[in-house]
Every structure is written in C-alpha cells, then in structure tokens.
C-alpha cells in the first residue's frame, strides 16, 4: 500500500478530511475523514456516515488522484484532481 496525502480541509464541526490517492495495486483517488480528536471517523449510518469506516476510495481511471477540496455550506465535499490525464471533479 502506498497512500499519499495531497489536500486537507477542516469542516465546520471540527472534523477534517485528508485526500490524495492510494495505490493498492493501482492508483485510486482516496479521501479519509477524521474526528476532531484525530481518530478515524467510522460513523457508518445516518447523515454523518462517511464511506467505509471513514474511508472513501474512488476509481475514476488510470492514476486518479485528488489534489484539492472544497466544503460546501451544506457539508457536501467537492474534490478536484486528475484521472487518466483529464481533469477530475467529484462531489461527495
């Protein structure tokens, strides 16, 4: 496993999201959310659920990676980066 962080954003509730990519074995975009105390946010149900145990891995194509994040006022996350030589924009 090769996990590389490229961006981080703080949410209004004190939780924070780290984004970049993971290579296991091919490169995929990855986001990980942590609680304000630094523990992995593993909320699995309800409005606060985030991925699988706090981790979201998305395969958008060859070499996908997230390089920037924006938290919208409603809490949705916009991610920007690249995949397969193209611009990547995704909403979580």
N, C-alpha and C. Protein backbone atom coordinates (compact mmCIF):
# COMPACT_ATOMS: atom_id res chain seq x y z
N UNK A 1 0.83 -1.19 0.00
CA UNK A 1 0.00 0.00 0.00
C UNK A 1 0.87 1.25 0.00
N UNK A 2 0.51 2.20 -0.84
CA UNK A 2 1.20 3.46 -0.91
C UNK A 2 0.15 4.56 -0.86
N UNK A 3 -0.05 5.18 0.30
CA UNK A 3 -1.04 6.23 0.48
C UNK A 3 -0.34 7.58 0.49
N UNK A 4 -0.83 8.52 -0.35
CA UNK A 4 -0.19 9.82 -0.47
C UNK A 4 -1.23 10.92 -0.26
N UNK A 5 -1.07 11.72 0.80
CA UNK A 5 -1.98 12.85 1.02
C UNK A 5 -1.58 14.05 0.18
N UNK A 6 -2.56 14.71 -0.43
CA UNK A 6 -2.28 15.88 -1.26
C UNK A 6 -3.11 17.10 -0.87
N UNK A 7 -4.17 16.91 -0.07
CA UNK A 7 -5.03 18.02 0.32
C UNK A 7 -5.67 17.71 1.66
N UNK A 8 -6.02 18.78 2.40
CA UNK A 8 -6.71 18.61 3.68
C UNK A 8 -7.62 19.82 3.90
N UNK A 9 -8.83 19.55 4.42
CA UNK A 9 -9.78 20.62 4.73
C UNK A 9 -10.44 20.35 6.07
N UNK A 10 -10.68 21.42 6.81
CA UNK A 10 -11.36 21.36 8.09
C UNK A 10 -12.84 21.64 7.87
N UNK A 11 -13.70 20.81 8.46
CA UNK A 11 -15.14 21.02 8.39
C UNK A 11 -15.58 21.90 9.55
N UNK A 12 -16.76 22.48 9.44
CA UNK A 12 -17.30 23.37 10.47
C UNK A 12 -17.45 22.68 11.82
N UNK A 13 -17.67 21.35 11.81
CA UNK A 13 -17.86 20.60 13.06
C UNK A 13 -16.55 20.15 13.70
N UNK A 14 -15.43 20.56 13.13
CA UNK A 14 -14.12 20.20 13.68
C UNK A 14 -13.51 18.95 13.07
N UNK A 15 -14.32 18.17 12.33
CA UNK A 15 -13.76 17.00 11.63
C UNK A 15 -12.93 17.51 10.46
N UNK A 16 -11.99 16.68 10.00
CA UNK A 16 -11.20 17.09 8.85
C UNK A 16 -11.04 15.94 7.87
N UNK A 17 -10.88 16.32 6.61
CA UNK A 17 -10.78 15.36 5.51
C UNK A 17 -9.39 15.48 4.89
N UNK A 18 -8.74 14.35 4.70
CA UNK A 18 -7.46 14.28 4.01
C UNK A 18 -7.71 13.54 2.70
N UNK A 19 -7.20 14.08 1.61
CA UNK A 19 -7.43 13.48 0.30
C UNK A 19 -6.13 13.35 -0.48
N UNK A 20 -6.13 12.45 -1.43
CA UNK A 20 -4.96 12.22 -2.27
C UNK A 20 -5.19 10.97 -3.09
N UNK A 21 -4.31 9.99 -2.91
CA UNK A 21 -4.51 8.72 -3.62
C UNK A 21 -3.90 7.56 -2.83
N UNK A 22 -4.38 6.38 -3.19
CA UNK A 22 -3.84 5.14 -2.64
C UNK A 22 -3.48 4.24 -3.81
N UNK A 23 -2.42 3.49 -3.68
CA UNK A 23 -2.01 2.54 -4.72
C UNK A 23 -2.07 1.14 -4.14
N UNK A 24 -3.08 0.40 -4.55
CA UNK A 24 -3.29 -0.93 -3.98
C UNK A 24 -3.97 -1.86 -4.97
N UNK A 25 -3.40 -2.35 -6.03
CA UNK A 25 -2.08 -2.03 -6.56
C UNK A 25 -2.10 -0.85 -7.53
N UNK A 26 -3.30 -0.48 -8.08
CA UNK A 26 -3.32 0.66 -8.99
C UNK A 26 -3.75 1.92 -8.25
N UNK A 27 -3.42 3.07 -8.79
CA UNK A 27 -3.71 4.33 -8.13
C UNK A 27 -5.20 4.68 -8.22
N UNK A 28 -5.80 4.95 -7.06
CA UNK A 28 -7.20 5.38 -6.97
C UNK A 28 -7.29 6.60 -6.06
N UNK A 29 -8.23 7.48 -6.37
CA UNK A 29 -8.47 8.64 -5.53
C UNK A 29 -8.97 8.18 -4.16
N UNK A 30 -8.52 8.86 -3.12
CA UNK A 30 -8.90 8.47 -1.76
C UNK A 30 -9.18 9.68 -0.89
N UNK A 31 -10.19 9.55 -0.02
CA UNK A 31 -10.50 10.55 0.99
C UNK A 31 -10.64 9.82 2.32
N UNK A 32 -10.14 10.43 3.38
CA UNK A 32 -10.25 9.86 4.71
C UNK A 32 -10.72 10.97 5.64
N UNK A 33 -11.77 10.69 6.44
CA UNK A 33 -12.27 11.70 7.37
C UNK A 33 -11.93 11.31 8.80
N UNK A 34 -11.46 12.31 9.54
CA UNK A 34 -11.08 12.13 10.94
C UNK A 34 -11.96 12.98 11.84
N UNK A 35 -12.18 12.50 13.06
CA UNK A 35 -12.88 13.28 14.07
C UNK A 35 -11.96 14.40 14.55
N UNK A 36 -12.52 15.36 15.26
CA UNK A 36 -11.74 16.49 15.77
C UNK A 36 -10.58 16.04 16.66
N UNK A 37 -10.72 14.88 17.32
CA UNK A 37 -9.66 14.39 18.21
C UNK A 37 -8.59 13.58 17.47
N UNK A 38 -8.72 13.47 16.13
CA UNK A 38 -7.72 12.76 15.33
C UNK A 38 -8.02 11.30 15.08
N UNK A 39 -9.08 10.76 15.68
CA UNK A 39 -9.44 9.37 15.43
C UNK A 39 -10.19 9.26 14.11
N UNK A 40 -10.10 8.11 13.47
CA UNK A 40 -10.79 7.86 12.20
C UNK A 40 -12.29 7.95 12.42
N UNK A 41 -12.98 8.69 11.56
CA UNK A 41 -14.43 8.84 11.66
C UNK A 41 -15.09 7.61 11.04
N UNK A 42 -15.50 6.69 11.86
CA UNK A 42 -16.07 5.45 11.34
C UNK A 42 -17.59 5.38 11.52
N UNK A 43 -18.27 6.53 11.54
CA UNK A 43 -19.73 6.55 11.57
C UNK A 43 -20.24 5.87 10.31
N UNK A 44 -21.04 4.84 10.47
CA UNK A 44 -21.46 4.05 9.31
C UNK A 44 -22.91 4.29 8.89
N UNK A 45 -23.69 4.96 9.74
CA UNK A 45 -25.10 5.16 9.41
C UNK A 45 -25.51 6.61 9.67
N UNK A 46 -26.65 6.96 9.13
CA UNK A 46 -27.20 8.29 9.36
C UNK A 46 -26.57 9.35 8.46
N UNK A 47 -26.93 10.60 8.75
CA UNK A 47 -26.47 11.72 7.93
C UNK A 47 -24.97 11.91 8.05
N UNK A 48 -24.35 11.39 9.11
CA UNK A 48 -22.93 11.58 9.35
C UNK A 48 -22.06 10.47 8.76
N UNK A 49 -22.68 9.49 8.10
CA UNK A 49 -21.92 8.36 7.55
C UNK A 49 -20.95 8.84 6.48
N UNK A 50 -19.75 8.25 6.49
CA UNK A 50 -18.72 8.65 5.53
C UNK A 50 -17.99 7.41 5.05
N UNK A 51 -18.26 7.01 3.82
CA UNK A 51 -17.54 5.90 3.20
C UNK A 51 -17.64 4.60 3.99
N UNK A 52 -16.58 3.85 3.96
CA UNK A 52 -16.49 2.58 4.69
C UNK A 52 -15.50 2.77 5.83
N UNK A 53 -16.03 2.97 7.03
CA UNK A 53 -15.17 3.19 8.17
C UNK A 53 -14.37 4.47 8.10
N UNK A 54 -14.93 5.49 7.45
CA UNK A 54 -14.26 6.78 7.34
C UNK A 54 -13.40 6.94 6.11
N UNK A 55 -13.37 5.92 5.25
CA UNK A 55 -12.51 5.93 4.06
C UNK A 55 -13.35 5.80 2.79
N UNK A 56 -13.08 6.66 1.81
CA UNK A 56 -13.73 6.58 0.51
C UNK A 56 -12.64 6.42 -0.54
N UNK A 57 -12.73 5.36 -1.33
CA UNK A 57 -11.79 5.14 -2.43
C UNK A 57 -12.60 5.10 -3.72
N UNK A 58 -12.20 5.93 -4.69
CA UNK A 58 -12.92 6.04 -5.95
C UNK A 58 -11.97 5.81 -7.12
N UNK A 59 -12.37 4.93 -8.03
CA UNK A 59 -11.58 4.66 -9.22
C UNK A 59 -12.18 5.44 -10.38
N UNK A 60 -11.55 6.55 -10.72
CA UNK A 60 -12.02 7.39 -11.82
C UNK A 60 -11.24 7.14 -13.09
N UNK A 61 -10.31 6.21 -13.07
CA UNK A 61 -9.49 5.93 -14.24
C UNK A 61 -8.03 5.85 -13.84
N UNK A 62 -7.18 5.67 -14.82
CA UNK A 62 -5.75 5.49 -14.59
C UNK A 62 -5.16 6.66 -13.82
N UNK A 63 -4.49 6.37 -12.72
CA UNK A 63 -3.77 7.39 -11.97
C UNK A 63 -4.64 8.43 -11.30
N UNK A 64 -5.87 8.09 -10.93
CA UNK A 64 -6.74 9.11 -10.35
C UNK A 64 -6.24 9.56 -8.98
N UNK A 65 -6.33 10.86 -8.76
CA UNK A 65 -5.90 11.44 -7.50
C UNK A 65 -6.64 12.75 -7.25
N UNK A 66 -6.84 13.05 -5.96
CA UNK A 66 -7.50 14.29 -5.57
C UNK A 66 -6.42 15.24 -5.06
N UNK A 67 -6.45 16.48 -5.57
CA UNK A 67 -5.44 17.47 -5.22
C UNK A 67 -5.99 18.67 -4.47
N UNK A 68 -7.32 18.86 -4.49
CA UNK A 68 -7.91 20.00 -3.79
C UNK A 68 -9.32 19.65 -3.32
N UNK A 69 -9.74 20.27 -2.22
CA UNK A 69 -11.05 20.03 -1.64
C UNK A 69 -11.75 21.35 -1.36
N UNK A 70 -13.07 21.33 -1.42
CA UNK A 70 -13.90 22.45 -1.04
C UNK A 70 -15.09 21.90 -0.27
N UNK A 71 -15.35 22.44 0.91
CA UNK A 71 -16.51 22.04 1.69
C UNK A 71 -17.62 23.04 1.40
N UNK A 72 -18.76 22.56 0.87
CA UNK A 72 -19.88 23.44 0.57
C UNK A 72 -20.65 23.76 1.86
N UNK A 73 -21.43 24.84 1.87
CA UNK A 73 -22.18 25.22 3.07
C UNK A 73 -23.10 24.11 3.60
N UNK A 74 -23.59 23.23 2.71
CA UNK A 74 -24.45 22.14 3.14
C UNK A 74 -23.67 20.92 3.62
N UNK A 75 -22.33 21.01 3.64
CA UNK A 75 -21.49 19.91 4.11
C UNK A 75 -20.98 18.98 3.03
N UNK A 76 -21.50 19.12 1.81
CA UNK A 76 -21.02 18.28 0.72
C UNK A 76 -19.56 18.65 0.41
N UNK A 77 -18.83 17.68 -0.10
CA UNK A 77 -17.42 17.87 -0.40
C UNK A 77 -17.21 17.84 -1.91
N UNK A 78 -16.57 18.88 -2.43
CA UNK A 78 -16.17 18.90 -3.83
C UNK A 78 -14.68 18.58 -3.88
N UNK A 79 -14.33 17.66 -4.75
CA UNK A 79 -12.93 17.24 -4.89
C UNK A 79 -12.48 17.49 -6.32
N UNK A 80 -11.28 18.01 -6.46
CA UNK A 80 -10.71 18.25 -7.78
C UNK A 80 -9.36 17.57 -7.90
N UNK A 81 -9.04 17.12 -9.08
CA UNK A 81 -7.76 16.46 -9.28
C UNK A 81 -7.60 16.04 -10.72
N UNK A 82 -7.06 14.84 -10.91
CA UNK A 82 -6.84 14.34 -12.26
C UNK A 82 -7.04 12.83 -12.31
N UNK A 83 -7.39 12.38 -13.50
CA UNK A 83 -7.57 10.95 -13.75
C UNK A 83 -7.32 10.68 -15.22
N UNK A 84 -6.40 9.80 -15.51
CA UNK A 84 -6.13 9.44 -16.89
C UNK A 84 -5.75 10.61 -17.76
N UNK A 85 -5.09 11.62 -17.21
CA UNK A 85 -4.68 12.78 -17.98
C UNK A 85 -5.78 13.81 -18.15
N UNK A 86 -6.93 13.61 -17.52
CA UNK A 86 -8.05 14.54 -17.62
C UNK A 86 -8.32 15.18 -16.26
N UNK A 87 -9.06 16.28 -16.30
CA UNK A 87 -9.47 16.96 -15.07
C UNK A 87 -10.52 16.12 -14.37
N UNK A 88 -10.42 16.03 -13.06
CA UNK A 88 -11.36 15.27 -12.25
C UNK A 88 -12.08 16.22 -11.31
N UNK A 89 -13.43 16.17 -11.32
CA UNK A 89 -14.24 16.90 -10.36
C UNK A 89 -15.30 15.92 -9.87
N UNK A 90 -15.40 15.78 -8.54
CA UNK A 90 -16.37 14.85 -7.97
C UNK A 90 -17.01 15.48 -6.75
N UNK A 91 -18.24 15.10 -6.47
CA UNK A 91 -18.96 15.60 -5.30
C UNK A 91 -19.30 14.44 -4.40
N UNK A 92 -19.01 14.59 -3.12
CA UNK A 92 -19.28 13.53 -2.13
C UNK A 92 -20.26 14.06 -1.09
